Amino acid sequence: MSNWQLPEGIDELTGDQAITFEQSRRDLLDLYQSWGYEVVVPPMIEFAETLVLNSKSIDEKTFKFLDSISGKMLGVHSDITPQIARIDSKRVKSERVDRYCYINAILQTKADDFYASRSPIQAGAELYGFKGIDADIEIITLMIESLDAFGT
């Protein structure tokens, strides 16, 4: 086995694929920002209890290891959504609406299916503090515009 091989389910983008990905990432972030969403880049690693919250599925997909400094269990993010909840929880709350967006690679112990990547790119827009049908309409409309940006 060559030392130059990647682990199973771990991929890389080069050349035209990398350029296409980067342009798509920029287009999506521009779209989300035009709707008032704040770009956030959560850390790749944080305390495991924050990353898994109460989700068995996320817990099973999270790479975990012991932090030699704190003695606590750390995890590599397998889903960014719990991190957005942590970020939002630190904000001063009132009648405020918070919008977050992100595009980042995640790492999973196992892929969603046999042929899928264990390090997919996750893009998202999260809306906090805005209740009712209008919030759902906003997110669904933004999802449709995101798909339109890819010509799907």
N, C-alpha and C. Protein backbone atom coordinates (compact mmCIF):
# COMPACT_ATOMS: atom_id res chain seq x y z
N MET A 1 0.84 -1.19 0.00
CA MET A 1 0.00 0.00 0.00
C MET A 1 0.88 1.25 0.00
N SER A 2 0.57 2.17 -0.84
CA SER A 2 1.32 3.40 -0.96
C SER A 2 1.02 4.34 0.20
N ASN A 3 2.03 5.07 0.64
CA ASN A 3 1.84 6.08 1.69
C ASN A 3 1.07 7.29 1.19
N TRP A 4 0.86 7.35 -0.11
CA TRP A 4 0.20 8.50 -0.72
C TRP A 4 -1.31 8.33 -0.85
N GLN A 5 -1.86 7.23 -0.43
CA GLN A 5 -3.29 6.98 -0.56
C GLN A 5 -4.07 7.66 0.56
N LEU A 6 -5.29 8.03 0.26
CA LEU A 6 -6.19 8.59 1.26
C LEU A 6 -7.02 7.47 1.88
N PRO A 7 -7.49 7.66 3.12
CA PRO A 7 -8.37 6.66 3.72
C PRO A 7 -9.64 6.48 2.90
N GLU A 8 -10.25 5.32 3.00
CA GLU A 8 -11.50 5.05 2.28
C GLU A 8 -12.57 6.07 2.65
N GLY A 9 -13.21 6.62 1.63
CA GLY A 9 -14.28 7.58 1.85
C GLY A 9 -13.81 9.01 2.04
N ILE A 10 -12.51 9.24 1.91
CA ILE A 10 -11.95 10.59 2.04
C ILE A 10 -11.49 11.03 0.65
N ASP A 11 -11.99 12.17 0.20
CA ASP A 11 -11.73 12.63 -1.16
C ASP A 11 -11.04 13.99 -1.14
N GLU A 12 -10.49 14.35 -2.28
CA GLU A 12 -9.91 15.69 -2.45
C GLU A 12 -10.36 16.23 -3.80
N LEU A 13 -10.34 17.53 -3.90
CA LEU A 13 -10.67 18.20 -5.15
C LEU A 13 -9.42 18.89 -5.68
N THR A 14 -9.18 18.73 -6.96
CA THR A 14 -8.04 19.38 -7.60
C THR A 14 -8.48 19.95 -8.94
N GLY A 15 -7.66 20.83 -9.49
CA GLY A 15 -7.90 21.34 -10.83
C GLY A 15 -9.27 21.96 -11.01
N ASP A 16 -9.94 21.58 -12.11
CA ASP A 16 -11.25 22.14 -12.44
C ASP A 16 -12.29 21.86 -11.36
N GLN A 17 -12.22 20.69 -10.72
CA GLN A 17 -13.17 20.38 -9.65
C GLN A 17 -13.02 21.37 -8.49
N ALA A 18 -11.80 21.67 -8.12
CA ALA A 18 -11.55 22.60 -7.02
C ALA A 18 -12.02 24.00 -7.38
N ILE A 19 -11.78 24.41 -8.62
CA ILE A 19 -12.21 25.74 -9.07
C ILE A 19 -13.74 25.82 -9.09
N THR A 20 -14.39 24.79 -9.61
CA THR A 20 -15.86 24.76 -9.64
C THR A 20 -16.43 24.79 -8.24
N PHE A 21 -15.85 24.00 -7.33
CA PHE A 21 -16.31 24.00 -5.94
C PHE A 21 -16.18 25.38 -5.32
N GLU A 22 -15.01 26.01 -5.47
CA GLU A 22 -14.77 27.30 -4.85
C GLU A 22 -15.71 28.37 -5.41
N GLN A 23 -15.98 28.35 -6.69
CA GLN A 23 -16.92 29.32 -7.26
C GLN A 23 -18.33 29.08 -6.73
N SER A 24 -18.72 27.82 -6.63
CA SER A 24 -20.05 27.50 -6.09
C SER A 24 -20.16 27.93 -4.63
N ARG A 25 -19.10 27.70 -3.86
CA ARG A 25 -19.08 28.11 -2.45
C ARG A 25 -19.26 29.62 -2.34
N ARG A 26 -18.52 30.36 -3.15
CA ARG A 26 -18.62 31.82 -3.13
C ARG A 26 -20.02 32.29 -3.53
N ASP A 27 -20.58 31.67 -4.57
CA ASP A 27 -21.93 32.04 -5.02
C ASP A 27 -22.97 31.81 -3.92
N LEU A 28 -22.88 30.66 -3.25
CA LEU A 28 -23.84 30.37 -2.18
C LEU A 28 -23.69 31.34 -1.02
N LEU A 29 -22.45 31.60 -0.60
CA LEU A 29 -22.25 32.53 0.52
C LEU A 29 -22.74 33.93 0.15
N ASP A 30 -22.51 34.35 -1.10
CA ASP A 30 -23.03 35.65 -1.54
C ASP A 30 -24.56 35.67 -1.49
N LEU A 31 -25.18 34.58 -1.91
CA LEU A 31 -26.64 34.48 -1.87
C LEU A 31 -27.13 34.59 -0.43
N TYR A 32 -26.54 33.81 0.46
CA TYR A 32 -26.97 33.82 1.86
C TYR A 32 -26.77 35.20 2.49
N GLN A 33 -25.64 35.82 2.19
CA GLN A 33 -25.38 37.15 2.74
C GLN A 33 -26.37 38.18 2.19
N SER A 34 -26.78 38.03 0.95
CA SER A 34 -27.75 38.97 0.37
C SER A 34 -29.11 38.89 1.08
N TRP A 35 -29.36 37.78 1.75
CA TRP A 35 -30.58 37.60 2.53
C TRP A 35 -30.38 38.02 3.99
N GLY A 36 -29.19 38.49 4.34
CA GLY A 36 -28.92 38.95 5.70
C GLY A 36 -28.34 37.89 6.61
N TYR A 37 -27.85 36.79 6.05
CA TYR A 37 -27.25 35.73 6.86
C TYR A 37 -25.77 36.03 7.10
N GLU A 38 -25.35 35.85 8.34
CA GLU A 38 -23.97 36.10 8.76
C GLU A 38 -23.14 34.84 8.53
N VAL A 39 -22.00 34.99 7.87
CA VAL A 39 -21.12 33.85 7.64
C VAL A 39 -20.40 33.51 8.94
N VAL A 40 -20.44 32.23 9.32
CA VAL A 40 -19.71 31.75 10.48
C VAL A 40 -18.86 30.55 10.06
N VAL A 41 -17.73 30.39 10.71
CA VAL A 41 -16.84 29.26 10.47
C VAL A 41 -16.54 28.63 11.83
N PRO A 42 -17.36 27.65 12.23
CA PRO A 42 -17.13 27.00 13.52
C PRO A 42 -15.82 26.20 13.49
N PRO A 43 -15.22 25.97 14.65
CA PRO A 43 -13.99 25.19 14.68
C PRO A 43 -14.23 23.74 14.29
N MET A 44 -13.20 23.11 13.77
CA MET A 44 -13.28 21.72 13.37
C MET A 44 -13.43 20.80 14.60
N ILE A 45 -12.85 21.22 15.71
CA ILE A 45 -12.82 20.39 16.92
C ILE A 45 -13.37 21.20 18.09
N GLU A 46 -14.20 20.55 18.90
CA GLU A 46 -14.63 21.15 20.16
C GLU A 46 -15.07 20.04 21.10
N PHE A 47 -15.51 20.41 22.29
CA PHE A 47 -15.89 19.40 23.27
C PHE A 47 -17.02 18.53 22.71
N ALA A 48 -16.86 17.23 22.86
CA ALA A 48 -17.78 16.27 22.24
C ALA A 48 -19.22 16.46 22.70
N GLU A 49 -19.43 16.79 23.97
CA GLU A 49 -20.81 16.93 24.45
C GLU A 49 -21.55 18.05 23.73
N THR A 50 -20.84 19.04 23.25
CA THR A 50 -21.47 20.13 22.49
C THR A 50 -21.82 19.65 21.08
N LEU A 51 -20.94 18.86 20.49
CA LEU A 51 -21.14 18.44 19.10
C LEU A 51 -22.27 17.44 18.93
N VAL A 52 -22.44 16.56 19.88
CA VAL A 52 -23.41 15.48 19.69
C VAL A 52 -24.77 15.82 20.27
N LEU A 53 -24.84 16.81 21.16
CA LEU A 53 -26.09 17.18 21.83
C LEU A 53 -26.82 15.91 22.25
N ASN A 54 -28.00 15.69 21.77
CA ASN A 54 -28.75 14.48 22.14
C ASN A 54 -29.09 13.65 20.91
N SER A 55 -28.23 13.67 19.92
CA SER A 55 -28.50 12.95 18.69
C SER A 55 -27.64 11.70 18.60
N LYS A 56 -28.28 10.54 18.62
CA LYS A 56 -27.54 9.28 18.52
C LYS A 56 -26.83 9.17 17.17
N SER A 57 -27.49 9.62 16.11
CA SER A 57 -26.91 9.55 14.77
C SER A 57 -25.63 10.37 14.68
N ILE A 58 -25.67 11.61 15.19
CA ILE A 58 -24.47 12.45 15.16
C ILE A 58 -23.40 11.86 16.07
N ASP A 59 -23.79 11.36 17.23
CA ASP A 59 -22.83 10.76 18.17
C ASP A 59 -22.08 9.61 17.51
N GLU A 60 -22.79 8.77 16.78
CA GLU A 60 -22.16 7.62 16.13
C GLU A 60 -21.22 8.03 15.00
N LYS A 61 -21.45 9.17 14.40
CA LYS A 61 -20.63 9.62 13.26
C LYS A 61 -19.47 10.54 13.68
N THR A 62 -19.38 10.89 14.96
CA THR A 62 -18.38 11.84 15.42
C THR A 62 -17.09 11.13 15.85
N PHE A 63 -15.97 11.53 15.23
CA PHE A 63 -14.67 11.06 15.68
C PHE A 63 -14.39 11.72 17.03
N LYS A 64 -14.03 10.92 18.04
CA LYS A 64 -13.79 11.45 19.38
C LYS A 64 -12.41 11.01 19.85
N PHE A 65 -11.81 11.88 20.65
CA PHE A 65 -10.51 11.56 21.24
C PHE A 65 -10.33 12.40 22.51
N LEU A 66 -9.44 11.96 23.38
CA LEU A 66 -9.20 12.63 24.65
C LEU A 66 -8.22 13.78 24.46
N ASP A 67 -8.59 14.95 24.99
CA ASP A 67 -7.72 16.13 24.94
C ASP A 67 -6.69 16.03 26.06
N SER A 68 -5.42 16.02 25.70
CA SER A 68 -4.37 15.87 26.71
C SER A 68 -4.24 17.11 27.60
N ILE A 69 -4.78 18.24 27.16
CA ILE A 69 -4.69 19.47 27.98
C ILE A 69 -5.81 19.54 29.01
N SER A 70 -7.05 19.37 28.57
CA SER A 70 -8.19 19.52 29.47
C SER A 70 -8.61 18.20 30.12
N GLY A 71 -8.22 17.08 29.51
CA GLY A 71 -8.67 15.78 30.01
C GLY A 71 -10.09 15.46 29.61
N LYS A 72 -10.68 16.31 28.77
CA LYS A 72 -12.06 16.10 28.33
C LYS A 72 -12.08 15.48 26.94
N MET A 73 -13.23 14.90 26.61
CA MET A 73 -13.42 14.29 25.31
C MET A 73 -13.68 15.37 24.27
N LEU A 74 -12.92 15.33 23.17
CA LEU A 74 -13.10 16.25 22.05
C LEU A 74 -13.71 15.48 20.88
N GLY A 75 -14.29 16.21 19.97
CA GLY A 75 -14.84 15.59 18.77
C GLY A 75 -14.57 16.46 17.56
N VAL A 76 -14.45 15.81 16.40
CA VAL A 76 -14.34 16.50 15.12
C VAL A 76 -15.76 16.61 14.58
N HIS A 77 -16.15 17.81 14.14
CA HIS A 77 -17.56 18.00 13.75
C HIS A 77 -17.97 17.08 12.60
N SER A 78 -19.10 16.37 12.83
CA SER A 78 -19.69 15.52 11.80
C SER A 78 -20.99 16.15 11.28
N ASP A 79 -21.38 17.25 11.89
CA ASP A 79 -22.55 18.03 11.50
C ASP A 79 -22.36 19.41 12.11
N ILE A 80 -22.57 20.45 11.35
CA ILE A 80 -22.31 21.81 11.83
C ILE A 80 -23.48 22.39 12.61
N THR A 81 -24.67 21.87 12.42
CA THR A 81 -25.85 22.44 13.05
C THR A 81 -25.73 22.59 14.57
N PRO A 82 -25.23 21.58 15.31
CA PRO A 82 -25.09 21.79 16.77
C PRO A 82 -24.13 22.93 17.12
N GLN A 83 -23.14 23.15 16.28
CA GLN A 83 -22.22 24.25 16.54
C GLN A 83 -22.90 25.59 16.36
N ILE A 84 -23.81 25.68 15.40
CA ILE A 84 -24.55 26.92 15.19
C ILE A 84 -25.43 27.18 16.41
N ALA A 85 -26.03 26.13 16.97
CA ALA A 85 -26.83 26.29 18.19
C ALA A 85 -25.96 26.82 19.33
N ARG A 86 -24.73 26.33 19.46
CA ARG A 86 -23.81 26.82 20.50
C ARG A 86 -23.47 28.28 20.27
N ILE A 87 -23.16 28.63 19.02
CA ILE A 87 -22.83 30.02 18.69
C ILE A 87 -24.01 30.93 19.03
N ASP A 88 -25.21 30.52 18.65
CA ASP A 88 -26.39 31.34 18.90
C ASP A 88 -26.67 31.46 20.39
N SER A 89 -26.39 30.42 21.17
CA SER A 89 -26.67 30.46 22.60
C SER A 89 -25.82 31.50 23.32
N LYS A 90 -24.70 31.89 22.74
CA LYS A 90 -23.82 32.88 23.36
C LYS A 90 -24.25 34.32 23.05
N ARG A 91 -25.17 34.49 22.13
CA ARG A 91 -25.65 35.82 21.76
C ARG A 91 -26.62 36.35 22.82
N VAL A 92 -26.61 37.67 23.01
CA VAL A 92 -27.56 38.31 23.90
C VAL A 92 -28.94 38.23 23.24
N LYS A 93 -29.88 37.69 23.95
CA LYS A 93 -31.21 37.49 23.39
C LYS A 93 -32.17 38.59 23.82
N SER A 94 -33.00 38.95 22.93
CA SER A 94 -34.13 39.84 23.20
C SER A 94 -35.19 39.44 22.19
N GLU A 95 -35.66 40.35 21.43
CA GLU A 95 -36.59 40.04 20.35
C GLU A 95 -35.82 39.92 19.05
N ARG A 96 -34.59 39.49 19.13
CA ARG A 96 -33.66 39.50 18.01
C ARG A 96 -33.80 38.26 17.13
N VAL A 97 -33.66 38.46 15.84
CA VAL A 97 -33.61 37.37 14.88
C VAL A 97 -32.16 37.23 14.43
N ASP A 98 -31.63 36.03 14.49
CA ASP A 98 -30.25 35.76 14.08
C ASP A 98 -30.25 34.81 12.90
N ARG A 99 -29.43 35.16 11.90
CA ARG A 99 -29.31 34.34 10.70
C ARG A 99 -27.83 33.99 10.52
N TYR A 100 -27.56 32.70 10.35
CA TYR A 100 -26.19 32.22 10.18
C TYR A 100 -26.11 31.37 8.91
N CYS A 101 -24.96 31.42 8.26
CA CYS A 101 -24.74 30.54 7.11
C CYS A 101 -23.30 30.03 7.17
N TYR A 102 -23.09 28.90 6.53
CA TYR A 102 -21.77 28.26 6.57
C TYR A 102 -21.61 27.30 5.40
N ILE A 103 -20.39 27.06 5.04
CA ILE A 103 -20.03 26.02 4.09
C ILE A 103 -18.67 25.51 4.55
N ASN A 104 -18.63 24.25 4.93
CA ASN A 104 -17.40 23.71 5.48
C ASN A 104 -17.38 22.19 5.32
N ALA A 105 -16.19 21.64 5.29
CA ALA A 105 -16.06 20.19 5.28
C ALA A 105 -16.34 19.66 6.69
N ILE A 106 -16.97 18.51 6.75
CA ILE A 106 -17.17 17.82 8.01
C ILE A 106 -16.49 16.46 7.91
N LEU A 107 -16.37 15.75 9.01
CA LEU A 107 -15.73 14.44 9.02
C LEU A 107 -16.62 13.47 9.77
N GLN A 108 -16.90 12.33 9.15
CA GLN A 108 -17.78 11.33 9.75
C GLN A 108 -17.07 9.99 9.86
N THR A 109 -17.34 9.27 10.95
CA THR A 109 -16.74 7.95 11.13
C THR A 109 -17.24 6.97 10.08
N LYS A 110 -18.46 7.20 9.62
CA LYS A 110 -19.01 6.37 8.54
C LYS A 110 -19.86 7.24 7.65
N ALA A 111 -19.85 6.91 6.38
CA ALA A 111 -20.61 7.67 5.39
C ALA A 111 -22.09 7.32 5.48
N ASP A 112 -22.91 8.19 4.91
CA ASP A 112 -24.35 7.95 4.92
C ASP A 112 -24.75 6.73 4.10
N ASP A 113 -23.98 6.43 3.05
CA ASP A 113 -24.20 5.19 2.32
C ASP A 113 -22.85 4.69 1.80
N PHE A 114 -22.85 3.54 1.20
CA PHE A 114 -21.61 2.85 0.84
C PHE A 114 -20.69 3.67 -0.05
N TYR A 115 -21.24 4.41 -1.00
CA TYR A 115 -20.42 5.14 -1.96
C TYR A 115 -20.18 6.61 -1.58
N ALA A 116 -20.75 7.05 -0.48
CA ALA A 116 -20.64 8.46 -0.10
C ALA A 116 -19.29 8.76 0.56
N SER A 117 -18.97 10.03 0.57
CA SER A 117 -17.75 10.50 1.21
C SER A 117 -17.92 10.54 2.72
N ARG A 118 -16.84 10.29 3.45
CA ARG A 118 -16.85 10.46 4.90
C ARG A 118 -16.45 11.88 5.27
N SER A 119 -16.11 12.68 4.27
CA SER A 119 -15.76 14.08 4.51
C SER A 119 -16.50 14.97 3.51
N PRO A 120 -17.83 14.97 3.60
CA PRO A 120 -18.61 15.78 2.67
C PRO A 120 -18.53 17.27 3.04
N ILE A 121 -18.97 18.08 2.12
CA ILE A 121 -19.09 19.51 2.36
C ILE A 121 -20.52 19.78 2.81
N GLN A 122 -20.66 20.48 3.91
CA GLN A 122 -21.99 20.82 4.42
C GLN A 122 -22.20 22.32 4.26
N ALA A 123 -23.30 22.67 3.60
CA ALA A 123 -23.70 24.06 3.46
C ALA A 123 -25.03 24.23 4.18
N GLY A 124 -25.20 25.38 4.81
CA GLY A 124 -26.46 25.57 5.50
C GLY A 124 -26.74 27.02 5.82
N ALA A 125 -28.01 27.27 6.08
CA ALA A 125 -28.49 28.56 6.56
C ALA A 125 -29.41 28.26 7.74
N GLU A 126 -29.14 28.89 8.86
CA GLU A 126 -29.90 28.65 10.08
C GLU A 126 -30.55 29.95 10.53
N LEU A 127 -31.79 29.86 10.92
CA LEU A 127 -32.59 31.02 11.31
C LEU A 127 -33.07 30.82 12.75
N TYR A 128 -32.69 31.73 13.64
CA TYR A 128 -33.06 31.64 15.06
C TYR A 128 -33.86 32.87 15.48
N GLY A 129 -34.87 32.64 16.31
CA GLY A 129 -35.63 33.74 16.89
C GLY A 129 -36.74 34.29 16.01
N PHE A 130 -37.03 33.63 14.91
CA PHE A 130 -38.08 34.07 13.99
C PHE A 130 -39.09 32.94 13.91
N LYS A 131 -40.23 33.12 14.54
CA LYS A 131 -41.21 32.05 14.63
C LYS A 131 -42.32 32.24 13.62
N GLY A 132 -42.98 31.15 13.34
CA GLY A 132 -44.14 31.21 12.47
C GLY A 132 -43.84 30.74 11.06
N ILE A 133 -44.87 30.76 10.27
CA ILE A 133 -44.81 30.27 8.90
C ILE A 133 -43.85 31.09 8.04
N ASP A 134 -43.69 32.37 8.35
CA ASP A 134 -42.78 33.22 7.56
C ASP A 134 -41.33 32.72 7.65
N ALA A 135 -40.95 32.19 8.80
CA ALA A 135 -39.60 31.64 8.94
C ALA A 135 -39.43 30.43 8.03
N ASP A 136 -40.43 29.55 8.02
CA ASP A 136 -40.37 28.38 7.14
C ASP A 136 -40.32 28.79 5.67
N ILE A 137 -41.12 29.78 5.32
CA ILE A 137 -41.15 30.25 3.93
C ILE A 137 -39.78 30.81 3.54
N GLU A 138 -39.17 31.57 4.44
CA GLU A 138 -37.85 32.14 4.15
C GLU A 138 -36.82 31.05 3.89
N ILE A 139 -36.76 30.06 4.76
CA ILE A 139 -35.76 28.99 4.61
C ILE A 139 -36.04 28.16 3.36
N ILE A 140 -37.28 27.85 3.09
CA ILE A 140 -37.62 27.06 1.90
C ILE A 140 -37.29 27.86 0.63
N THR A 141 -37.61 29.14 0.62
CA THR A 141 -37.29 29.98 -0.54
C THR A 141 -35.78 30.05 -0.75
N LEU A 142 -35.03 30.20 0.33
CA LEU A 142 -33.58 30.24 0.24
C LEU A 142 -33.02 28.91 -0.25
N MET A 143 -33.62 27.80 0.17
CA MET A 143 -33.20 26.48 -0.30
C MET A 143 -33.45 26.35 -1.81
N ILE A 144 -34.58 26.82 -2.27
CA ILE A 144 -34.90 26.76 -3.70
C ILE A 144 -33.92 27.62 -4.49
N GLU A 145 -33.62 28.82 -4.00
CA GLU A 145 -32.64 29.67 -4.68
C GLU A 145 -31.25 29.03 -4.68
N SER A 146 -30.92 28.32 -3.60
CA SER A 146 -29.63 27.61 -3.55
C SER A 146 -29.56 26.55 -4.63
N LEU A 147 -30.62 25.79 -4.78
CA LEU A 147 -30.68 24.76 -5.82
C LEU A 147 -30.63 25.38 -7.20
N ASP A 148 -31.33 26.50 -7.38
CA ASP A 148 -31.31 27.21 -8.66
C ASP A 148 -29.90 27.66 -9.03
N ALA A 149 -29.11 28.03 -8.02
CA ALA A 149 -27.74 28.48 -8.26
C ALA A 149 -26.90 27.36 -8.89
N PHE A 150 -27.31 26.11 -8.63
CA PHE A 150 -26.61 24.97 -9.21
C PHE A 150 -27.29 24.43 -10.46
N GLY A 151 -28.37 25.10 -10.87
CA GLY A 151 -29.07 24.67 -12.07
C GLY A 151 -29.87 23.39 -11.90
N THR A 152 -30.27 23.10 -10.65
CA THR A 152 -31.04 21.87 -10.41
C THR A 152 -32.50 22.18 -10.21
